[in-house]
C-alpha cells in the first residue's frame, strides 16, 4: 500500500501554476507613472514658404539657412562675389579707355593717359602725318569704351537676377521641403498599340503613374 502525503500550505498561501508563473515572469510590468514616448511623436520640421521668402528678400542667404540648406550659402555668395568682381573690373577698364580716348582726341600735350593702351610710337599715329592710323586708334578705343560699358551694365543686371534667383530658390525649397518622394510612387513606360488613321495599328508608349499603399 502506497501512502501519498498531502502538501500542507500555510494560511493565506497562493499557489501559482507553472505556466501562469512563466507568463508573469515574461510579462513586462511597467510602473504606473511611467510615460513612454514613441519616435513618431517627435516634432518634424516644416518650413513656412512666406517666412523663407521674406528672409531671403531681407538678406541673401537667410532663406537658405532657414530651410536648413546650409550647403547653398557658398554657392549664393560665390555668385555675388563673381558678379561684383565683374562690375569692378569692367568699370575700371571703362574709365581707363574713356579717359584715354578723351586725352587722345584733345590737343593738350600734357594729357597722355592713352599711352597706357596704345603700345606704339607717337609718330606712327600723328594726327596730321598719320591720319589713317590716328583714326583707327580712335575708333578702336571707342569700341573698347562701348565694350566695357556694356559688360559693366550686364554685370549689374546679373546681380539683380542672382538676387531674384536666391529668393526663388528659398521659396521653392520651402514649398517642396516635405514633398513625397517615397518609393511608393512609381513611373513606368509601357508599350501599347495605337490606332492610326486609315484603320492601321502602330506601336506606341504609354506612361503610367502608380501609387502603392
N, C-alpha and C. Protein backbone atom coordinates (compact mmCIF):
# COMPACT_ATOMS: atom_id res chain seq x y z
N UNK A 1 0.86 -1.19 0.00
CA UNK A 1 0.00 0.00 0.00
C UNK A 1 0.89 1.24 0.00
N UNK A 2 0.59 2.14 -0.91
CA UNK A 2 1.41 3.36 -1.05
C UNK A 2 0.64 4.52 -0.48
N UNK A 3 1.28 5.22 0.43
CA UNK A 3 0.63 6.39 1.06
C UNK A 3 1.25 7.67 0.48
N UNK A 4 0.44 8.57 0.01
CA UNK A 4 0.89 9.86 -0.51
C UNK A 4 0.56 10.93 0.50
N UNK A 5 1.61 11.58 0.98
CA UNK A 5 1.41 12.60 1.99
C UNK A 5 0.99 13.91 1.32
N UNK A 6 -0.14 14.45 1.65
CA UNK A 6 -0.60 15.70 1.03
C UNK A 6 0.28 16.88 1.44
N UNK A 7 0.40 17.82 0.51
CA UNK A 7 1.20 19.03 0.79
C UNK A 7 0.36 20.01 1.56
N UNK A 8 0.87 20.45 2.67
CA UNK A 8 0.15 21.37 3.55
C UNK A 8 0.78 22.75 3.41
N UNK A 9 -0.02 23.71 3.00
CA UNK A 9 0.44 25.09 2.82
C UNK A 9 0.03 25.93 4.01
N UNK A 10 0.81 26.93 4.24
CA UNK A 10 0.49 27.85 5.32
C UNK A 10 -0.74 28.65 4.96
N UNK A 11 -1.31 29.24 5.99
CA UNK A 11 -2.52 30.03 5.79
C UNK A 11 -2.22 31.25 4.94
N UNK A 12 -3.16 31.63 4.06
CA UNK A 12 -3.05 32.75 3.14
C UNK A 12 -2.03 32.51 2.03
N UNK A 13 -1.61 31.29 1.78
CA UNK A 13 -0.65 30.99 0.71
C UNK A 13 -1.40 30.83 -0.61
N UNK A 14 -0.88 31.46 -1.68
CA UNK A 14 -1.49 31.37 -3.01
C UNK A 14 -0.60 30.49 -3.87
N UNK A 15 -1.18 29.48 -4.45
CA UNK A 15 -0.45 28.55 -5.29
C UNK A 15 -0.61 28.99 -6.74
N UNK A 16 0.50 29.20 -7.40
CA UNK A 16 0.52 29.64 -8.79
C UNK A 16 1.08 28.53 -9.65
N UNK A 17 0.36 28.18 -10.68
CA UNK A 17 0.81 27.13 -11.57
C UNK A 17 2.05 27.53 -12.34
N UNK A 18 2.71 26.53 -12.91
CA UNK A 18 3.97 26.79 -13.60
C UNK A 18 3.78 27.65 -14.84
N UNK A 19 2.74 27.37 -15.62
CA UNK A 19 2.50 28.14 -16.84
C UNK A 19 2.14 29.59 -16.52
N UNK A 20 1.36 29.80 -15.47
CA UNK A 20 0.99 31.16 -15.08
C UNK A 20 2.20 31.91 -14.57
N UNK A 21 3.04 31.20 -13.85
CA UNK A 21 4.24 31.82 -13.30
C UNK A 21 5.19 32.27 -14.40
N UNK A 22 5.34 31.45 -15.46
CA UNK A 22 6.20 31.83 -16.57
C UNK A 22 5.67 33.06 -17.29
N UNK A 23 4.35 33.11 -17.44
CA UNK A 23 3.76 34.28 -18.10
C UNK A 23 4.01 35.55 -17.30
N UNK A 24 3.91 35.44 -15.99
CA UNK A 24 4.15 36.61 -15.15
C UNK A 24 5.60 37.05 -15.20
N UNK A 25 6.50 36.05 -15.29
CA UNK A 25 7.92 36.39 -15.36
C UNK A 25 8.29 37.04 -16.69
N UNK A 26 7.67 36.60 -17.79
CA UNK A 26 7.99 37.14 -19.12
C UNK A 26 7.28 38.44 -19.42
N UNK A 27 6.26 38.76 -18.67
CA UNK A 27 5.47 39.95 -18.93
C UNK A 27 6.24 41.18 -18.43
N UNK A 28 6.24 42.21 -19.26
CA UNK A 28 6.92 43.46 -18.91
C UNK A 28 5.94 44.34 -18.15
N UNK A 29 6.17 44.44 -16.84
CA UNK A 29 5.30 45.24 -15.98
C UNK A 29 5.96 46.57 -15.73
N UNK A 30 5.38 47.65 -16.26
CA UNK A 30 5.94 48.99 -16.10
C UNK A 30 5.31 49.66 -14.91
N UNK A 31 6.02 50.63 -14.38
CA UNK A 31 5.48 51.38 -13.26
C UNK A 31 4.26 52.15 -13.72
N UNK A 32 3.30 52.39 -12.80
CA UNK A 32 2.07 53.06 -13.21
C UNK A 32 2.28 54.49 -13.68
N UNK A 33 3.36 55.16 -13.21
CA UNK A 33 3.60 56.54 -13.60
C UNK A 33 4.57 56.68 -14.76
N UNK A 34 4.94 55.56 -15.40
CA UNK A 34 5.90 55.61 -16.48
C UNK A 34 5.22 56.07 -17.76
N UNK A 35 5.87 57.04 -18.46
CA UNK A 35 5.34 57.55 -19.72
C UNK A 35 6.35 57.22 -20.81
N UNK A 36 5.94 56.47 -21.79
CA UNK A 36 6.82 56.09 -22.90
C UNK A 36 6.53 56.97 -24.10
N UNK A 37 7.60 57.52 -24.67
CA UNK A 37 7.48 58.39 -25.82
C UNK A 37 7.91 57.64 -27.06
N UNK A 38 7.10 57.61 -28.05
CA UNK A 38 7.42 56.94 -29.30
C UNK A 38 8.19 57.90 -30.21
N UNK A 39 8.93 57.32 -31.14
CA UNK A 39 9.71 58.14 -32.05
C UNK A 39 8.83 58.93 -33.00
N UNK A 40 7.65 58.42 -33.25
CA UNK A 40 6.76 59.12 -34.18
C UNK A 40 6.22 60.42 -33.61
N UNK A 41 6.34 60.59 -32.29
CA UNK A 41 5.82 61.80 -31.67
C UNK A 41 6.78 62.98 -31.73
N UNK A 42 7.96 62.80 -32.31
CA UNK A 42 8.95 63.87 -32.38
C UNK A 42 8.52 64.93 -33.40
N UNK A 43 8.89 66.18 -33.13
CA UNK A 43 8.49 67.30 -33.98
C UNK A 43 9.22 67.22 -35.32
N UNK A 44 8.48 67.34 -36.40
CA UNK A 44 9.03 67.31 -37.74
C UNK A 44 9.09 68.72 -38.29
N UNK A 45 10.29 69.13 -38.72
CA UNK A 45 10.47 70.50 -39.21
C UNK A 45 9.75 70.68 -40.55
N UNK A 46 8.98 71.74 -40.65
CA UNK A 46 8.27 72.07 -41.88
C UNK A 46 8.35 73.57 -42.07
N UNK A 47 9.20 74.04 -42.99
CA UNK A 47 9.38 75.49 -43.16
C UNK A 47 8.14 76.15 -43.77
N UNK A 48 7.95 77.41 -43.42
CA UNK A 48 6.86 78.19 -43.98
C UNK A 48 7.38 78.92 -45.23
N UNK A 49 6.64 78.79 -46.31
CA UNK A 49 7.07 79.36 -47.59
C UNK A 49 7.20 80.88 -47.52
N UNK A 50 6.22 81.55 -46.92
CA UNK A 50 6.25 83.01 -46.84
C UNK A 50 7.41 83.49 -45.98
N UNK A 51 7.66 82.81 -44.88
CA UNK A 51 8.76 83.21 -44.00
C UNK A 51 10.10 83.03 -44.68
N UNK A 52 10.28 81.90 -45.37
CA UNK A 52 11.53 81.67 -46.09
C UNK A 52 11.76 82.71 -47.17
N UNK A 53 10.69 83.09 -47.87
CA UNK A 53 10.80 84.10 -48.93
C UNK A 53 11.16 85.46 -48.36
N UNK A 54 10.50 85.86 -47.27
CA UNK A 54 10.78 87.16 -46.68
C UNK A 54 12.19 87.23 -46.11
N UNK A 55 12.69 86.15 -45.56
CA UNK A 55 14.06 86.14 -45.05
C UNK A 55 15.06 86.25 -46.19
N UNK A 56 14.77 85.60 -47.31
CA UNK A 56 15.66 85.70 -48.47
C UNK A 56 15.63 87.10 -49.07
N UNK A 57 14.48 87.76 -49.00
CA UNK A 57 14.37 89.14 -49.51
C UNK A 57 15.15 90.09 -48.61
N UNK A 58 15.06 89.89 -47.29
CA UNK A 58 15.71 90.81 -46.35
C UNK A 58 17.23 90.75 -46.45
N UNK A 59 17.78 89.53 -46.65
CA UNK A 59 19.24 89.40 -46.77
C UNK A 59 19.54 88.10 -47.52
N UNK A 60 20.38 88.15 -48.56
CA UNK A 60 20.68 86.94 -49.33
C UNK A 60 21.28 85.84 -48.46
N UNK A 61 20.73 84.65 -48.56
CA UNK A 61 21.23 83.50 -47.82
C UNK A 61 20.44 83.15 -46.59
N UNK A 62 19.68 84.10 -46.03
CA UNK A 62 18.90 83.80 -44.83
C UNK A 62 17.80 82.78 -45.11
N UNK A 63 17.22 82.85 -46.28
CA UNK A 63 16.19 81.87 -46.64
C UNK A 63 16.75 80.48 -46.71
N UNK A 64 17.96 80.33 -47.25
CA UNK A 64 18.60 79.00 -47.32
C UNK A 64 18.94 78.49 -45.92
N UNK A 65 19.36 79.38 -45.04
CA UNK A 65 19.65 78.97 -43.66
C UNK A 65 18.37 78.51 -42.96
N UNK A 66 17.29 79.25 -43.17
CA UNK A 66 16.01 78.88 -42.55
C UNK A 66 15.53 77.52 -43.07
N UNK A 67 15.76 77.23 -44.34
CA UNK A 67 15.35 75.95 -44.92
C UNK A 67 16.31 74.81 -44.59
N UNK A 68 17.36 75.12 -43.83
CA UNK A 68 18.37 74.13 -43.44
C UNK A 68 19.14 73.59 -44.65
N UNK A 69 19.37 74.45 -45.62
CA UNK A 69 20.19 74.11 -46.79
C UNK A 69 21.48 74.92 -46.71
N UNK A 70 22.26 74.64 -45.68
CA UNK A 70 23.47 75.42 -45.42
C UNK A 70 24.47 75.30 -46.56
N UNK A 71 24.49 74.17 -47.27
CA UNK A 71 25.47 73.96 -48.32
C UNK A 71 25.28 74.92 -49.49
N UNK A 72 24.10 75.56 -49.56
CA UNK A 72 23.86 76.50 -50.66
C UNK A 72 24.42 77.89 -50.39
N UNK A 73 24.79 78.18 -49.15
CA UNK A 73 25.30 79.50 -48.81
C UNK A 73 26.57 79.84 -49.60
N UNK A 74 27.58 78.95 -49.69
CA UNK A 74 28.76 79.29 -50.51
C UNK A 74 28.42 79.52 -51.98
N UNK A 75 27.43 78.80 -52.50
CA UNK A 75 27.04 78.98 -53.90
C UNK A 75 26.44 80.38 -54.10
N UNK A 76 25.57 80.77 -53.17
CA UNK A 76 24.92 82.09 -53.27
C UNK A 76 25.97 83.20 -53.26
N UNK A 77 26.89 83.16 -52.30
CA UNK A 77 27.86 84.25 -52.17
C UNK A 77 28.98 84.16 -53.20
N UNK A 78 29.24 82.97 -53.72
CA UNK A 78 30.21 82.87 -54.81
C UNK A 78 29.66 83.55 -56.06
N UNK A 79 28.37 83.39 -56.32
CA UNK A 79 27.75 84.07 -57.46
C UNK A 79 27.79 85.57 -57.30
N UNK A 80 27.45 86.07 -56.10
CA UNK A 80 27.51 87.52 -55.87
C UNK A 80 28.94 88.04 -55.96
N UNK A 81 29.89 87.27 -55.44
CA UNK A 81 31.28 87.70 -55.49
C UNK A 81 31.79 87.82 -56.92
N UNK A 82 31.46 86.83 -57.77
CA UNK A 82 31.90 86.87 -59.16
C UNK A 82 31.28 88.05 -59.91
N UNK A 83 30.01 88.32 -59.64
CA UNK A 83 29.34 89.42 -60.32
C UNK A 83 29.87 90.78 -59.87
N UNK A 84 30.12 90.95 -58.57
CA UNK A 84 30.69 92.21 -58.09
C UNK A 84 32.11 92.42 -58.61
N UNK A 85 32.86 91.34 -58.71
CA UNK A 85 34.20 91.45 -59.31
C UNK A 85 34.11 91.87 -60.77
N UNK A 86 33.13 91.32 -61.50
CA UNK A 86 32.94 91.70 -62.89
C UNK A 86 32.56 93.17 -63.02
N UNK A 87 31.72 93.65 -62.10
CA UNK A 87 31.35 95.07 -62.12
C UNK A 87 32.59 95.95 -61.91
N UNK A 88 33.41 95.60 -60.93
CA UNK A 88 34.60 96.40 -60.65
C UNK A 88 35.60 96.41 -61.79
N UNK A 89 35.85 95.20 -62.36
CA UNK A 89 36.84 95.11 -63.43
C UNK A 89 36.38 95.86 -64.68
N UNK A 90 35.12 95.68 -65.06
CA UNK A 90 34.61 96.36 -66.26
C UNK A 90 34.51 97.87 -66.05
N UNK A 91 34.17 98.29 -64.84
CA UNK A 91 34.10 99.73 -64.57
C UNK A 91 35.48 100.37 -64.67
N UNK A 92 36.49 99.72 -64.12
CA UNK A 92 37.85 100.28 -64.18
C UNK A 92 38.35 100.37 -65.62
N UNK A 93 38.12 99.33 -66.40
CA UNK A 93 38.56 99.37 -67.80
C UNK A 93 37.77 100.39 -68.60
N UNK A 94 36.49 100.52 -68.30
CA UNK A 94 35.67 101.52 -68.99
C UNK A 94 36.21 102.94 -68.73
N UNK A 95 36.51 103.23 -67.48
CA UNK A 95 37.05 104.55 -67.14
C UNK A 95 38.42 104.78 -67.77
N UNK A 96 39.23 103.72 -67.82
CA UNK A 96 40.57 103.87 -68.38
C UNK A 96 40.51 104.18 -69.88
N UNK A 97 39.68 103.44 -70.62
CA UNK A 97 39.59 103.68 -72.07
C UNK A 97 38.87 104.97 -72.39
N UNK A 98 37.90 105.36 -71.55
CA UNK A 98 37.22 106.64 -71.78
C UNK A 98 38.18 107.81 -71.58
N UNK A 99 38.99 107.74 -70.54
CA UNK A 99 39.99 108.79 -70.29
C UNK A 99 41.04 108.81 -71.40
N UNK A 100 41.45 107.62 -71.86
CA UNK A 100 42.45 107.54 -72.93
C UNK A 100 41.89 108.14 -74.21
N UNK A 101 40.63 107.88 -74.50
CA UNK A 101 40.02 108.45 -75.71
C UNK A 101 39.94 109.97 -75.62
N UNK A 102 39.57 110.49 -74.47
CA UNK A 102 39.48 111.94 -74.30
C UNK A 102 40.84 112.60 -74.45
N UNK A 103 41.87 111.98 -73.87
CA UNK A 103 43.22 112.55 -73.97
C UNK A 103 43.78 112.40 -75.38
N UNK A 104 43.38 111.34 -76.06
CA UNK A 104 43.89 111.11 -77.42
C UNK A 104 43.32 112.09 -78.42
N UNK A 105 42.10 112.53 -78.19
CA UNK A 105 41.43 113.42 -79.16
C UNK A 105 41.61 114.90 -78.85
N UNK A 106 42.12 115.24 -77.69
CA UNK A 106 42.34 116.67 -77.41
C UNK A 106 43.70 117.11 -77.95
N UNK A 107 43.99 118.38 -77.84
CA UNK A 107 45.25 118.93 -78.37
C UNK A 107 46.22 119.32 -77.26
N UNK A 108 46.03 118.80 -76.08
CA UNK A 108 46.90 119.13 -74.95
C UNK A 108 48.00 118.09 -74.84
N UNK A 109 49.25 118.50 -74.91
CA UNK A 109 50.36 117.53 -74.83
C UNK A 109 50.54 116.95 -73.43
N UNK A 110 49.98 117.63 -72.40
CA UNK A 110 50.14 117.13 -71.04
C UNK A 110 49.28 115.89 -70.75
N UNK A 111 48.23 115.73 -71.50
CA UNK A 111 47.31 114.60 -71.25
C UNK A 111 47.72 113.43 -72.14
N UNK A 112 48.33 112.42 -71.52
CA UNK A 112 48.86 111.29 -72.28
C UNK A 112 48.48 109.95 -71.64
N UNK A 113 47.31 109.87 -71.06
CA UNK A 113 46.88 108.60 -70.46
C UNK A 113 46.68 107.51 -71.51
N UNK A 114 46.52 107.91 -72.78
CA UNK A 114 46.32 106.92 -73.85
C UNK A 114 47.55 106.05 -74.08
N UNK A 115 48.71 106.50 -73.54
CA UNK A 115 49.93 105.70 -73.69
C UNK A 115 49.84 104.36 -72.95
N UNK A 116 48.88 104.27 -72.01
CA UNK A 116 48.69 103.00 -71.29
C UNK A 116 48.03 101.93 -72.15
N UNK A 117 47.30 102.37 -73.19
CA UNK A 117 46.56 101.40 -74.01
C UNK A 117 47.11 101.32 -75.43
N UNK A 118 47.86 102.30 -75.86
CA UNK A 118 48.45 102.27 -77.21
C UNK A 118 49.93 101.97 -77.08
N UNK A 119 50.33 100.79 -77.48
CA UNK A 119 51.74 100.38 -77.38
C UNK A 119 52.41 100.60 -78.73
N UNK A 120 52.51 101.83 -79.11
CA UNK A 120 53.11 102.18 -80.40
C UNK A 120 53.83 103.52 -80.26
N UNK A 121 54.69 103.84 -81.18
CA UNK A 121 55.42 105.10 -81.16
C UNK A 121 54.49 106.26 -81.52
N UNK A 122 54.63 107.40 -80.87
CA UNK A 122 53.73 108.53 -81.14
C UNK A 122 53.75 108.99 -82.60
N UNK A 123 54.89 108.87 -83.26
CA UNK A 123 54.94 109.33 -84.65
C UNK A 123 54.14 108.45 -85.60
N UNK A 124 53.77 107.25 -85.15
CA UNK A 124 53.00 106.35 -86.02
C UNK A 124 51.51 106.65 -86.00
N UNK A 125 51.06 107.49 -85.09
CA UNK A 125 49.65 107.87 -85.07
C UNK A 125 49.52 109.39 -84.94
N UNK A 126 50.41 110.08 -85.63
CA UNK A 126 50.34 111.55 -85.66
C UNK A 126 49.03 111.98 -86.31
N UNK A 127 48.41 113.00 -85.72
CA UNK A 127 47.08 113.43 -86.18
C UNK A 127 47.11 114.02 -87.58
N UNK A 128 48.28 114.55 -88.00
CA UNK A 128 48.38 115.17 -89.32
C UNK A 128 49.08 114.23 -90.30
N UNK A 129 50.24 113.72 -89.91
CA UNK A 129 51.02 112.91 -90.82
C UNK A 129 50.49 111.48 -90.97
N UNK A 130 49.93 110.92 -89.90
CA UNK A 130 49.42 109.55 -89.92
C UNK A 130 47.92 109.57 -89.54
N UNK A 131 47.15 110.29 -90.36
CA UNK A 131 45.74 110.48 -90.02
C UNK A 131 44.96 109.15 -90.06
N UNK A 132 45.32 108.26 -90.96
CA UNK A 132 44.61 106.96 -91.05
C UNK A 132 44.85 106.14 -89.78
N UNK A 133 46.11 106.08 -89.33
CA UNK A 133 46.40 105.35 -88.09
C UNK A 133 45.75 106.03 -86.89
N UNK A 134 45.76 107.33 -86.92
CA UNK A 134 45.12 108.09 -85.83
C UNK A 134 43.62 107.76 -85.74
N UNK A 135 42.95 107.70 -86.88
CA UNK A 135 41.52 107.38 -86.90
C UNK A 135 41.27 105.95 -86.43
N UNK A 136 42.11 105.02 -86.85
CA UNK A 136 41.93 103.62 -86.44
C UNK A 136 42.08 103.46 -84.93
N UNK A 137 43.08 104.13 -84.35
CA UNK A 137 43.27 104.05 -82.89
C UNK A 137 42.09 104.69 -82.16
N UNK A 138 41.59 105.79 -82.70
CA UNK A 138 40.46 106.46 -82.05
C UNK A 138 39.21 105.57 -82.06
N UNK A 139 38.95 104.94 -83.20
CA UNK A 139 37.79 104.05 -83.30
C UNK A 139 37.96 102.80 -82.42
N UNK A 140 39.20 102.30 -82.34
CA UNK A 140 39.45 101.13 -81.50
C UNK A 140 39.19 101.43 -80.03
N UNK A 141 39.61 102.62 -79.58
CA UNK A 141 39.35 102.99 -78.19
C UNK A 141 37.86 103.19 -77.93
N UNK A 142 37.15 103.73 -78.91
CA UNK A 142 35.69 103.87 -78.76
C UNK A 142 35.01 102.51 -78.64
N UNK A 143 35.49 101.56 -79.42
CA UNK A 143 34.91 100.21 -79.33
C UNK A 143 35.16 99.60 -77.95
N UNK A 144 36.33 99.83 -77.41
CA UNK A 144 36.64 99.30 -76.08
C UNK A 144 35.81 99.99 -75.00
N UNK A 145 35.56 101.29 -75.18
CA UNK A 145 34.70 102.01 -74.23
C UNK A 145 33.30 101.41 -74.23
N UNK A 146 32.75 101.17 -75.42
CA UNK A 146 31.41 100.58 -75.52
C UNK A 146 31.39 99.15 -74.98
N UNK A 147 32.46 98.40 -75.24
CA UNK A 147 32.54 97.01 -74.79
C UNK A 147 32.48 96.91 -73.26
N UNK A 148 33.34 97.65 -72.60
CA UNK A 148 33.38 97.56 -71.14
C UNK A 148 32.15 98.20 -70.48
N UNK A 149 31.59 99.22 -71.11
CA UNK A 149 30.35 99.79 -70.58
C UNK A 149 29.21 98.79 -70.65
N UNK A 150 29.14 98.08 -71.76
CA UNK A 150 28.07 97.08 -71.94
C UNK A 150 28.17 95.97 -70.91
N UNK A 151 29.37 95.43 -70.71
CA UNK A 151 29.51 94.32 -69.77
C UNK A 151 29.44 94.79 -68.32
N UNK A 152 29.76 96.04 -68.06
CA UNK A 152 29.52 96.57 -66.72
C UNK A 152 28.03 96.62 -66.41
N UNK A 153 27.24 97.10 -67.39
CA UNK A 153 25.79 97.16 -67.20
C UNK A 153 25.18 95.75 -67.09
N UNK A 154 25.69 94.80 -67.88
CA UNK A 154 25.20 93.42 -67.78
C UNK A 154 25.54 92.80 -66.44
N UNK A 155 26.66 93.19 -65.87
CA UNK A 155 27.02 92.67 -64.54
C UNK A 155 26.07 93.18 -63.48
N UNK A 156 25.65 94.44 -63.59
CA UNK A 156 24.65 94.96 -62.66
C UNK A 156 23.32 94.21 -62.80
N UNK A 157 22.94 93.93 -64.04
CA UNK A 157 21.72 93.16 -64.27
C UNK A 157 21.86 91.75 -63.71
N UNK A 158 23.07 91.18 -63.84
CA UNK A 158 23.31 89.85 -63.29
C UNK A 158 23.18 89.80 -61.78
N UNK A 159 23.61 90.86 -61.10
CA UNK A 159 23.47 90.91 -59.64
C UNK A 159 21.99 90.89 -59.26
N UNK A 160 21.19 91.70 -59.94
CA UNK A 160 19.75 91.72 -59.66
C UNK A 160 19.11 90.36 -59.96
N UNK A 161 19.52 89.73 -61.08
CA UNK A 161 18.96 88.43 -61.44
C UNK A 161 19.36 87.35 -60.43
N UNK A 162 20.61 87.37 -59.96
CA UNK A 162 21.07 86.38 -58.99
C UNK A 162 20.36 86.55 -57.64
N UNK A 163 20.08 87.80 -57.31
CA UNK A 163 19.32 88.08 -56.08
C UNK A 163 17.91 87.49 -56.18
N UNK A 164 17.26 87.65 -57.31
CA UNK A 164 15.92 87.08 -57.50
C UNK A 164 15.98 85.55 -57.53
N UNK A 165 17.03 84.99 -58.10
CA UNK A 165 17.17 83.53 -58.13
C UNK A 165 17.33 82.97 -56.73
N UNK A 166 18.09 83.65 -55.87
CA UNK A 166 18.25 83.18 -54.49
C UNK A 166 16.93 83.23 -53.73
N UNK A 167 16.10 84.25 -54.02
CA UNK A 167 14.78 84.32 -53.39
C UNK A 167 13.88 83.19 -53.89
N UNK A 168 13.90 82.96 -55.20
CA UNK A 168 13.09 81.89 -55.78
C UNK A 168 13.53 80.53 -55.26
N UNK A 169 14.82 80.34 -55.10
CA UNK A 169 15.33 79.07 -54.58
C UNK A 169 14.83 78.82 -53.16
N UNK A 170 14.85 79.84 -52.33
CA UNK A 170 14.35 79.68 -50.95
C UNK A 170 12.86 79.39 -50.96
N UNK A 171 12.11 80.03 -51.83
CA UNK A 171 10.67 79.80 -51.92
C UNK A 171 10.36 78.38 -52.36
N UNK A 172 11.03 77.90 -53.39
CA UNK A 172 10.77 76.55 -53.90
C UNK A 172 11.22 75.50 -52.89
N UNK A 173 12.36 75.72 -52.24
CA UNK A 173 12.83 74.77 -51.23
C UNK A 173 11.82 74.62 -50.09
N UNK A 174 11.28 75.73 -49.63
CA UNK A 174 10.31 75.67 -48.55
C UNK A 174 9.02 75.00 -49.01
N UNK A 175 8.62 75.23 -50.25
CA UNK A 175 7.38 74.64 -50.76
C UNK A 175 7.50 73.14 -50.95
N UNK A 176 8.67 72.68 -51.38
CA UNK A 176 8.86 71.25 -51.68
C UNK A 176 9.66 70.53 -50.61
N UNK A 177 9.78 71.14 -49.42
CA UNK A 177 10.61 70.54 -48.38
C UNK A 177 10.09 69.16 -47.98
N UNK A 178 8.77 69.03 -47.82
CA UNK A 178 8.16 67.76 -47.40
C UNK A 178 7.43 67.07 -48.55
N UNK A 179 7.91 67.31 -49.78
CA UNK A 179 7.29 66.67 -50.93
C UNK A 179 7.56 65.17 -50.90
N UNK A 180 6.54 64.38 -51.23
CA UNK A 180 6.63 62.93 -51.15
C UNK A 180 7.45 62.39 -52.31
N UNK A 181 8.64 61.88 -51.99
CA UNK A 181 9.48 61.23 -53.00
C UNK A 181 9.77 59.80 -52.57
N UNK A 182 8.82 59.17 -51.91
CA UNK A 182 8.99 57.81 -51.41
C UNK A 182 8.95 56.82 -52.56
N UNK A 183 9.46 55.60 -52.34
CA UNK A 183 9.43 54.58 -53.39
C UNK A 183 8.04 54.08 -53.71
N UNK A 184 7.01 54.55 -52.96
CA UNK A 184 5.65 54.14 -53.29
C UNK A 184 5.17 54.74 -54.61
N UNK A 185 5.83 55.84 -55.03
CA UNK A 185 5.49 56.45 -56.31
C UNK A 185 6.31 55.77 -57.40
N UNK A 186 5.65 55.30 -58.43
CA UNK A 186 6.33 54.54 -59.46
C UNK A 186 5.86 55.03 -60.83
N UNK A 187 6.82 55.47 -61.66
CA UNK A 187 6.52 55.92 -63.01
C UNK A 187 7.10 54.92 -63.99
N UNK A 188 6.25 54.36 -64.83
CA UNK A 188 6.69 53.32 -65.77
C UNK A 188 6.26 53.68 -67.19
N UNK A 189 7.03 53.17 -68.14
CA UNK A 189 6.72 53.30 -69.57
C UNK A 189 6.33 51.93 -70.10
N UNK A 190 5.14 51.82 -70.65
CA UNK A 190 4.60 50.54 -71.08
C UNK A 190 4.32 50.60 -72.58
N UNK A 191 4.79 49.63 -73.36
CA UNK A 191 4.45 49.61 -74.79
C UNK A 191 2.97 49.30 -75.00
N UNK A 192 2.38 49.88 -76.04
CA UNK A 192 0.97 49.67 -76.32
C UNK A 192 0.72 49.83 -77.82
N UNK A 193 -0.46 49.40 -78.24
CA UNK A 193 -0.87 49.55 -79.63
C UNK A 193 -1.71 50.82 -79.78
N UNK A 194 -1.44 51.57 -80.84
CA UNK A 194 -2.15 52.82 -81.08
C UNK A 194 -2.88 52.73 -82.42
N UNK A 195 -4.10 53.22 -82.43
CA UNK A 195 -4.88 53.24 -83.66
C UNK A 195 -4.47 54.45 -84.49
N UNK A 196 -4.14 54.21 -85.76
CA UNK A 196 -3.71 55.27 -86.66
C UNK A 196 -4.80 55.55 -87.69
N UNK A 197 -4.81 56.71 -88.31
CA UNK A 197 -5.81 57.00 -89.34
C UNK A 197 -5.73 55.99 -90.49
N UNK A 198 -6.88 55.58 -90.98
CA UNK A 198 -6.94 54.60 -92.07
C UNK A 198 -7.10 53.19 -91.58
N UNK A 199 -7.33 53.01 -90.27
CA UNK A 199 -7.53 51.66 -89.74
C UNK A 199 -6.26 50.90 -89.43
N UNK A 200 -5.12 51.56 -89.50
CA UNK A 200 -3.86 50.89 -89.20
C UNK A 200 -3.59 50.92 -87.69
N UNK A 201 -2.78 49.97 -87.28
CA UNK A 201 -2.40 49.88 -85.87
C UNK A 201 -0.88 49.99 -85.78
N UNK A 202 -0.42 50.89 -84.94
CA UNK A 202 1.01 51.09 -84.77
C UNK A 202 1.45 50.92 -83.34
N UNK A 203 2.75 50.91 -83.15
CA UNK A 203 3.31 50.76 -81.81
C UNK A 203 3.45 52.12 -81.15
N UNK A 204 3.25 52.15 -79.86
CA UNK A 204 3.38 53.39 -79.10
C UNK A 204 3.82 53.10 -77.68
N UNK A 205 3.93 54.16 -76.89
CA UNK A 205 4.37 54.05 -75.50
C UNK A 205 3.36 54.75 -74.62
N UNK A 206 2.97 54.09 -73.56
CA UNK A 206 2.05 54.66 -72.57
C UNK A 206 2.80 54.92 -71.27
N UNK A 207 2.49 56.03 -70.62
CA UNK A 207 3.12 56.40 -69.37
C UNK A 207 2.13 56.16 -68.24
N UNK A 208 2.55 55.36 -67.23
CA UNK A 208 1.68 55.04 -66.09
C UNK A 208 2.33 55.52 -64.82
N UNK A 209 1.54 56.15 -63.97
CA UNK A 209 1.99 56.58 -62.65
C UNK A 209 1.23 55.76 -61.61
N UNK A 210 1.96 54.99 -60.83
CA UNK A 210 1.34 54.11 -59.84
C UNK A 210 1.71 54.55 -58.44
N UNK A 211 0.73 54.50 -57.55
CA UNK A 211 0.94 54.81 -56.14
C UNK A 211 0.61 53.56 -55.35
N UNK A 212 1.60 53.04 -54.64
CA UNK A 212 1.40 51.83 -53.83
C UNK A 212 1.11 52.19 -52.39
N UNK A 213 0.09 51.59 -51.84
CA UNK A 213 -0.31 51.84 -50.45
C UNK A 213 0.10 50.64 -49.59
